[in-house]
Amino acid sequence: MYTIHVQFEQQDLQSTIIHCEEDHTILEAVLLNDIHLNHNCGGVCACTTCHIYIEEGEDFIDEMSEREEDYVDRATNPRLNSRLACQCLLLPLNKQTNATVSITIPDQSDIIGHEH
């Protein structure tokens, strides 16, 4: 089981902790827990609206592909720990292992997005 600490750059949103099974992407995990994260392309690595920062636990996430890296370079305020949530697959864990991942969702107020 994964524990995901979700922080927000937007001051009006409070940090929260969610739980998720392996083999989900971080995008799926936040959406399943009613946390809004833009994903205009539907989560197929064709835009940058689900851009996040991985603060902790990158070893529990599938490696970045060249395609994702190309899109991350186009994101607003990319950092070394930038990823696209739709591409952050939570890796399988041993049955008795729990893992923690911490993310920050950048300010999305300037993104023209739509609800899925």
N, C-alpha and C. Protein backbone atom coordinates (compact mmCIF):
# COMPACT_ATOMS: atom_id res chain seq x y z
N MET A 1 0.85 -1.18 0.00
CA MET A 1 0.00 0.00 0.00
C MET A 1 0.89 1.24 0.00
N TYR A 2 0.47 2.20 -0.78
CA TYR A 2 1.19 3.46 -0.86
C TYR A 2 0.49 4.54 -0.03
N THR A 3 1.29 5.32 0.65
CA THR A 3 0.82 6.53 1.31
C THR A 3 1.39 7.69 0.50
N ILE A 4 0.50 8.56 0.05
CA ILE A 4 0.94 9.69 -0.77
C ILE A 4 0.59 10.98 -0.04
N HIS A 5 1.63 11.76 0.26
CA HIS A 5 1.46 13.08 0.87
C HIS A 5 1.32 14.07 -0.27
N VAL A 6 0.20 14.75 -0.32
CA VAL A 6 -0.09 15.69 -1.39
C VAL A 6 -0.07 17.10 -0.82
N GLN A 7 0.82 17.91 -1.37
CA GLN A 7 0.92 19.32 -1.00
C GLN A 7 0.56 20.16 -2.22
N PHE A 8 0.16 21.38 -1.98
CA PHE A 8 -0.27 22.27 -3.06
C PHE A 8 0.47 23.59 -2.98
N GLU A 9 0.84 24.14 -4.13
CA GLU A 9 1.41 25.48 -4.15
C GLU A 9 0.33 26.53 -3.93
N GLN A 10 -0.90 26.23 -4.33
CA GLN A 10 -2.00 27.17 -4.13
C GLN A 10 -2.28 27.30 -2.65
N GLN A 11 -2.22 28.52 -2.16
CA GLN A 11 -2.35 28.78 -0.72
C GLN A 11 -3.72 28.40 -0.16
N ASP A 12 -4.75 28.38 -0.98
CA ASP A 12 -6.10 28.09 -0.48
C ASP A 12 -6.41 26.59 -0.41
N LEU A 13 -5.45 25.75 -0.75
CA LEU A 13 -5.65 24.30 -0.69
C LEU A 13 -4.78 23.71 0.42
N GLN A 14 -5.36 22.80 1.20
CA GLN A 14 -4.64 22.19 2.32
C GLN A 14 -3.99 20.88 1.91
N SER A 15 -2.83 20.63 2.46
CA SER A 15 -2.14 19.36 2.24
C SER A 15 -3.01 18.22 2.75
N THR A 16 -2.84 17.07 2.14
CA THR A 16 -3.63 15.91 2.55
C THR A 16 -2.80 14.64 2.35
N ILE A 17 -3.26 13.58 2.94
CA ILE A 17 -2.62 12.26 2.79
C ILE A 17 -3.65 11.32 2.21
N ILE A 18 -3.24 10.60 1.16
CA ILE A 18 -4.12 9.61 0.54
C ILE A 18 -3.42 8.26 0.52
N HIS A 19 -4.18 7.22 0.27
CA HIS A 19 -3.63 5.88 0.18
C HIS A 19 -4.04 5.27 -1.15
N CYS A 20 -3.15 4.46 -1.71
CA CYS A 20 -3.42 3.89 -3.02
C CYS A 20 -2.68 2.56 -3.15
N GLU A 21 -3.24 1.66 -3.93
CA GLU A 21 -2.58 0.40 -4.25
C GLU A 21 -1.54 0.64 -5.34
N GLU A 22 -0.63 -0.28 -5.46
CA GLU A 22 0.37 -0.23 -6.53
C GLU A 22 -0.32 -0.37 -7.88
N ASP A 23 0.45 -0.19 -8.92
CA ASP A 23 -0.01 -0.30 -10.31
C ASP A 23 -1.04 0.75 -10.70
N HIS A 24 -1.11 1.84 -9.96
CA HIS A 24 -1.87 3.02 -10.34
C HIS A 24 -0.86 4.12 -10.63
N THR A 25 -1.24 5.06 -11.46
CA THR A 25 -0.40 6.25 -11.62
C THR A 25 -0.77 7.23 -10.51
N ILE A 26 0.10 8.18 -10.29
CA ILE A 26 -0.22 9.21 -9.31
C ILE A 26 -1.45 9.99 -9.75
N LEU A 27 -1.61 10.21 -11.04
CA LEU A 27 -2.82 10.88 -11.53
C LEU A 27 -4.06 10.09 -11.11
N GLU A 28 -4.05 8.79 -11.33
CA GLU A 28 -5.20 7.96 -10.94
C GLU A 28 -5.43 8.03 -9.43
N ALA A 29 -4.35 7.98 -8.67
CA ALA A 29 -4.46 7.99 -7.21
C ALA A 29 -5.12 9.27 -6.71
N VAL A 30 -4.69 10.42 -7.23
CA VAL A 30 -5.29 11.67 -6.74
C VAL A 30 -6.74 11.79 -7.19
N LEU A 31 -7.03 11.39 -8.41
CA LEU A 31 -8.41 11.48 -8.90
C LEU A 31 -9.33 10.54 -8.13
N LEU A 32 -8.86 9.35 -7.80
CA LEU A 32 -9.66 8.40 -7.02
C LEU A 32 -9.96 8.93 -5.62
N ASN A 33 -9.14 9.88 -5.17
CA ASN A 33 -9.31 10.47 -3.85
C ASN A 33 -9.89 11.89 -3.93
N ASP A 34 -10.54 12.18 -5.03
CA ASP A 34 -11.25 13.47 -5.23
C ASP A 34 -10.36 14.69 -5.11
N ILE A 35 -9.13 14.56 -5.56
CA ILE A 35 -8.22 15.71 -5.62
C ILE A 35 -8.14 16.13 -7.08
N HIS A 36 -8.41 17.39 -7.33
CA HIS A 36 -8.40 17.87 -8.71
C HIS A 36 -6.96 18.05 -9.19
N LEU A 37 -6.68 17.47 -10.34
CA LEU A 37 -5.41 17.67 -11.04
C LEU A 37 -5.74 17.70 -12.52
N ASN A 38 -5.47 18.82 -13.16
CA ASN A 38 -5.76 18.92 -14.59
C ASN A 38 -5.07 17.80 -15.35
N HIS A 39 -5.72 17.33 -16.39
CA HIS A 39 -5.15 16.29 -17.26
C HIS A 39 -5.87 16.36 -18.60
N ASN A 40 -5.59 17.45 -19.32
CA ASN A 40 -6.32 17.76 -20.55
C ASN A 40 -6.22 16.70 -21.63
N CYS A 41 -5.13 15.95 -21.66
CA CYS A 41 -4.97 14.94 -22.71
C CYS A 41 -5.58 13.60 -22.31
N GLY A 42 -6.13 13.53 -21.12
CA GLY A 42 -6.72 12.28 -20.66
C GLY A 42 -5.70 11.33 -20.05
N GLY A 43 -4.51 11.82 -19.80
CA GLY A 43 -3.49 10.99 -19.14
C GLY A 43 -2.69 10.13 -20.07
N VAL A 44 -2.40 10.61 -21.28
CA VAL A 44 -1.66 9.81 -22.25
C VAL A 44 -0.32 10.43 -22.65
N CYS A 45 0.21 11.30 -21.80
CA CYS A 45 1.51 11.94 -22.04
C CYS A 45 1.51 12.74 -23.35
N ALA A 46 0.51 13.62 -23.47
CA ALA A 46 0.43 14.46 -24.66
C ALA A 46 0.26 15.93 -24.31
N CYS A 47 0.45 16.28 -23.03
CA CYS A 47 0.38 17.68 -22.60
C CYS A 47 1.17 17.80 -21.30
N THR A 48 1.06 18.94 -20.65
CA THR A 48 1.80 19.14 -19.40
C THR A 48 0.89 19.53 -18.23
N THR A 49 -0.41 19.39 -18.38
CA THR A 49 -1.32 19.91 -17.37
C THR A 49 -1.32 19.11 -16.07
N CYS A 50 -0.80 17.88 -16.07
CA CYS A 50 -0.73 17.09 -14.82
C CYS A 50 0.67 17.14 -14.22
N HIS A 51 1.40 18.19 -14.54
CA HIS A 51 2.76 18.38 -14.04
C HIS A 51 2.76 18.45 -12.51
N ILE A 52 3.66 17.69 -11.89
CA ILE A 52 3.81 17.69 -10.43
C ILE A 52 5.29 17.69 -10.08
N TYR A 53 5.58 17.86 -8.80
CA TYR A 53 6.94 17.73 -8.29
C TYR A 53 6.97 16.54 -7.35
N ILE A 54 7.92 15.63 -7.55
CA ILE A 54 8.12 14.50 -6.65
C ILE A 54 9.10 14.94 -5.58
N GLU A 55 8.62 15.09 -4.36
CA GLU A 55 9.46 15.57 -3.26
C GLU A 55 10.17 14.41 -2.56
N GLU A 56 9.55 13.25 -2.55
CA GLU A 56 10.12 12.08 -1.86
C GLU A 56 9.51 10.82 -2.48
N GLY A 57 10.30 9.76 -2.55
CA GLY A 57 9.80 8.47 -3.00
C GLY A 57 9.96 8.18 -4.48
N GLU A 58 10.85 8.90 -5.14
CA GLU A 58 11.02 8.68 -6.58
C GLU A 58 11.44 7.26 -6.91
N ASP A 59 12.06 6.55 -5.96
CA ASP A 59 12.47 5.16 -6.20
C ASP A 59 11.29 4.21 -6.31
N PHE A 60 10.10 4.64 -5.89
CA PHE A 60 8.90 3.81 -5.96
C PHE A 60 8.08 4.08 -7.21
N ILE A 61 8.61 4.91 -8.11
CA ILE A 61 7.89 5.34 -9.31
C ILE A 61 8.68 4.91 -10.54
N ASP A 62 7.94 4.45 -11.56
CA ASP A 62 8.54 4.06 -12.83
C ASP A 62 9.42 5.19 -13.37
N GLU A 63 10.50 4.84 -14.03
CA GLU A 63 11.43 5.84 -14.56
C GLU A 63 10.80 6.69 -15.65
N MET A 64 11.32 7.89 -15.80
CA MET A 64 10.83 8.81 -16.80
C MET A 64 11.26 8.36 -18.20
N SER A 65 10.32 8.36 -19.13
CA SER A 65 10.62 8.04 -20.52
C SER A 65 11.13 9.29 -21.23
N GLU A 66 11.71 9.10 -22.40
CA GLU A 66 12.18 10.25 -23.19
C GLU A 66 11.00 11.14 -23.59
N ARG A 67 9.87 10.52 -23.91
CA ARG A 67 8.68 11.29 -24.29
C ARG A 67 8.23 12.17 -23.13
N GLU A 68 8.15 11.58 -21.93
CA GLU A 68 7.75 12.37 -20.77
C GLU A 68 8.74 13.50 -20.53
N GLU A 69 10.02 13.21 -20.65
CA GLU A 69 11.04 14.24 -20.44
C GLU A 69 10.85 15.41 -21.41
N ASP A 70 10.51 15.10 -22.67
CA ASP A 70 10.25 16.16 -23.65
C ASP A 70 9.10 17.05 -23.20
N TYR A 71 8.04 16.44 -22.67
CA TYR A 71 6.89 17.24 -22.21
C TYR A 71 7.20 18.00 -20.92
N VAL A 72 7.92 17.39 -20.01
CA VAL A 72 8.27 18.06 -18.76
C VAL A 72 9.07 19.33 -19.06
N ASP A 73 9.94 19.27 -20.07
CA ASP A 73 10.71 20.45 -20.45
C ASP A 73 9.82 21.61 -20.88
N ARG A 74 8.60 21.32 -21.32
CA ARG A 74 7.66 22.34 -21.78
C ARG A 74 6.73 22.85 -20.67
N ALA A 75 6.77 22.20 -19.52
CA ALA A 75 5.89 22.56 -18.41
C ALA A 75 6.24 23.93 -17.85
N THR A 76 5.29 24.52 -17.15
CA THR A 76 5.54 25.78 -16.46
C THR A 76 6.39 25.51 -15.22
N ASN A 77 7.47 26.23 -15.09
CA ASN A 77 8.39 26.12 -13.95
C ASN A 77 8.89 24.69 -13.69
N PRO A 78 9.46 24.04 -14.71
CA PRO A 78 9.99 22.69 -14.47
C PRO A 78 11.19 22.72 -13.53
N ARG A 79 11.32 21.66 -12.76
CA ARG A 79 12.45 21.49 -11.84
C ARG A 79 13.06 20.12 -12.06
N LEU A 80 14.14 19.85 -11.38
CA LEU A 80 14.77 18.54 -11.52
C LEU A 80 13.85 17.41 -11.05
N ASN A 81 12.93 17.71 -10.13
CA ASN A 81 12.02 16.69 -9.61
C ASN A 81 10.64 16.74 -10.28
N SER A 82 10.54 17.40 -11.44
CA SER A 82 9.28 17.47 -12.17
C SER A 82 8.96 16.15 -12.85
N ARG A 83 7.68 15.82 -12.84
CA ARG A 83 7.16 14.64 -13.54
C ARG A 83 5.76 14.96 -14.03
N LEU A 84 5.24 14.12 -14.91
CA LEU A 84 3.84 14.16 -15.29
C LEU A 84 3.14 13.08 -14.49
N ALA A 85 2.11 13.45 -13.76
CA ALA A 85 1.43 12.50 -12.87
C ALA A 85 0.86 11.31 -13.63
N CYS A 86 0.48 11.52 -14.89
CA CYS A 86 -0.09 10.42 -15.68
C CYS A 86 0.96 9.36 -16.02
N GLN A 87 2.22 9.69 -15.89
CA GLN A 87 3.29 8.76 -16.22
C GLN A 87 4.00 8.19 -14.99
N CYS A 88 3.58 8.60 -13.81
CA CYS A 88 4.20 8.16 -12.56
C CYS A 88 3.51 6.91 -12.04
N LEU A 89 3.86 5.77 -12.60
CA LEU A 89 3.29 4.49 -12.20
C LEU A 89 3.93 4.04 -10.89
N LEU A 90 3.08 3.74 -9.90
CA LEU A 90 3.56 3.26 -8.61
C LEU A 90 3.98 1.80 -8.77
N LEU A 91 5.23 1.52 -8.52
CA LEU A 91 5.80 0.19 -8.75
C LEU A 91 5.27 -0.85 -7.76
N PRO A 92 5.27 -2.12 -8.17
CA PRO A 92 4.82 -3.19 -7.27
C PRO A 92 5.69 -3.25 -6.01
N LEU A 93 5.05 -3.55 -4.89
CA LEU A 93 5.73 -3.66 -3.61
C LEU A 93 5.65 -5.09 -3.11
N ASN A 94 6.56 -5.47 -2.22
CA ASN A 94 6.42 -6.75 -1.53
C ASN A 94 5.14 -6.68 -0.72
N LYS A 95 4.51 -7.80 -0.50
CA LYS A 95 3.21 -7.84 0.17
C LYS A 95 3.19 -7.12 1.51
N GLN A 96 4.27 -7.13 2.23
CA GLN A 96 4.29 -6.54 3.56
C GLN A 96 4.91 -5.15 3.58
N THR A 97 5.22 -4.62 2.41
CA THR A 97 5.89 -3.33 2.33
C THR A 97 4.89 -2.20 2.15
N ASN A 98 5.12 -1.14 2.84
CA ASN A 98 4.39 0.10 2.63
C ASN A 98 5.40 1.12 2.12
N ALA A 99 4.95 2.01 1.28
CA ALA A 99 5.85 3.01 0.73
C ALA A 99 5.20 4.38 0.82
N THR A 100 6.05 5.39 0.95
CA THR A 100 5.58 6.77 1.03
C THR A 100 6.14 7.57 -0.14
N VAL A 101 5.26 8.31 -0.75
CA VAL A 101 5.62 9.23 -1.83
C VAL A 101 5.05 10.58 -1.45
N SER A 102 5.84 11.63 -1.63
CA SER A 102 5.37 12.99 -1.37
C SER A 102 5.43 13.78 -2.67
N ILE A 103 4.33 14.47 -2.96
CA ILE A 103 4.27 15.27 -4.18
C ILE A 103 3.79 16.68 -3.85
N THR A 104 4.13 17.59 -4.74
CA THR A 104 3.57 18.94 -4.70
C THR A 104 2.90 19.19 -6.03
N ILE A 105 1.65 19.65 -5.96
CA ILE A 105 0.93 20.02 -7.17
C ILE A 105 1.11 21.52 -7.37
N PRO A 106 1.74 21.90 -8.50
CA PRO A 106 1.95 23.33 -8.74
C PRO A 106 0.62 24.08 -8.84
N ASP A 107 0.70 25.38 -8.72
CA ASP A 107 -0.48 26.23 -8.86
C ASP A 107 -1.09 25.99 -10.24
N GLN A 108 -2.34 25.58 -10.25
CA GLN A 108 -3.03 25.28 -11.52
C GLN A 108 -4.01 26.37 -11.93
N SER A 109 -4.01 27.48 -11.22
CA SER A 109 -5.01 28.52 -11.47
C SER A 109 -4.89 29.15 -12.86
N ASP A 110 -3.73 29.09 -13.48
CA ASP A 110 -3.56 29.67 -14.82
C ASP A 110 -3.75 28.64 -15.93
N ILE A 111 -4.03 27.40 -15.58
CA ILE A 111 -4.22 26.36 -16.60
C ILE A 111 -5.66 26.37 -17.09
N ILE A 112 -5.80 26.44 -18.39
CA ILE A 112 -7.13 26.33 -18.96
C ILE A 112 -7.38 24.84 -19.14
N GLY A 113 -8.18 24.30 -18.26
CA GLY A 113 -8.44 22.87 -18.27
C GLY A 113 -9.92 22.60 -18.20
N HIS A 114 -10.24 21.33 -18.20
CA HIS A 114 -11.63 20.94 -18.09
C HIS A 114 -11.73 19.71 -17.20
N GLU A 115 -12.89 19.49 -16.64
CA GLU A 115 -13.11 18.35 -15.75
C GLU A 115 -13.27 17.10 -16.60
N HIS A 116 -12.74 16.00 -16.09
CA HIS A 116 -12.90 14.70 -16.76
C HIS A 116 -13.80 13.83 -15.92
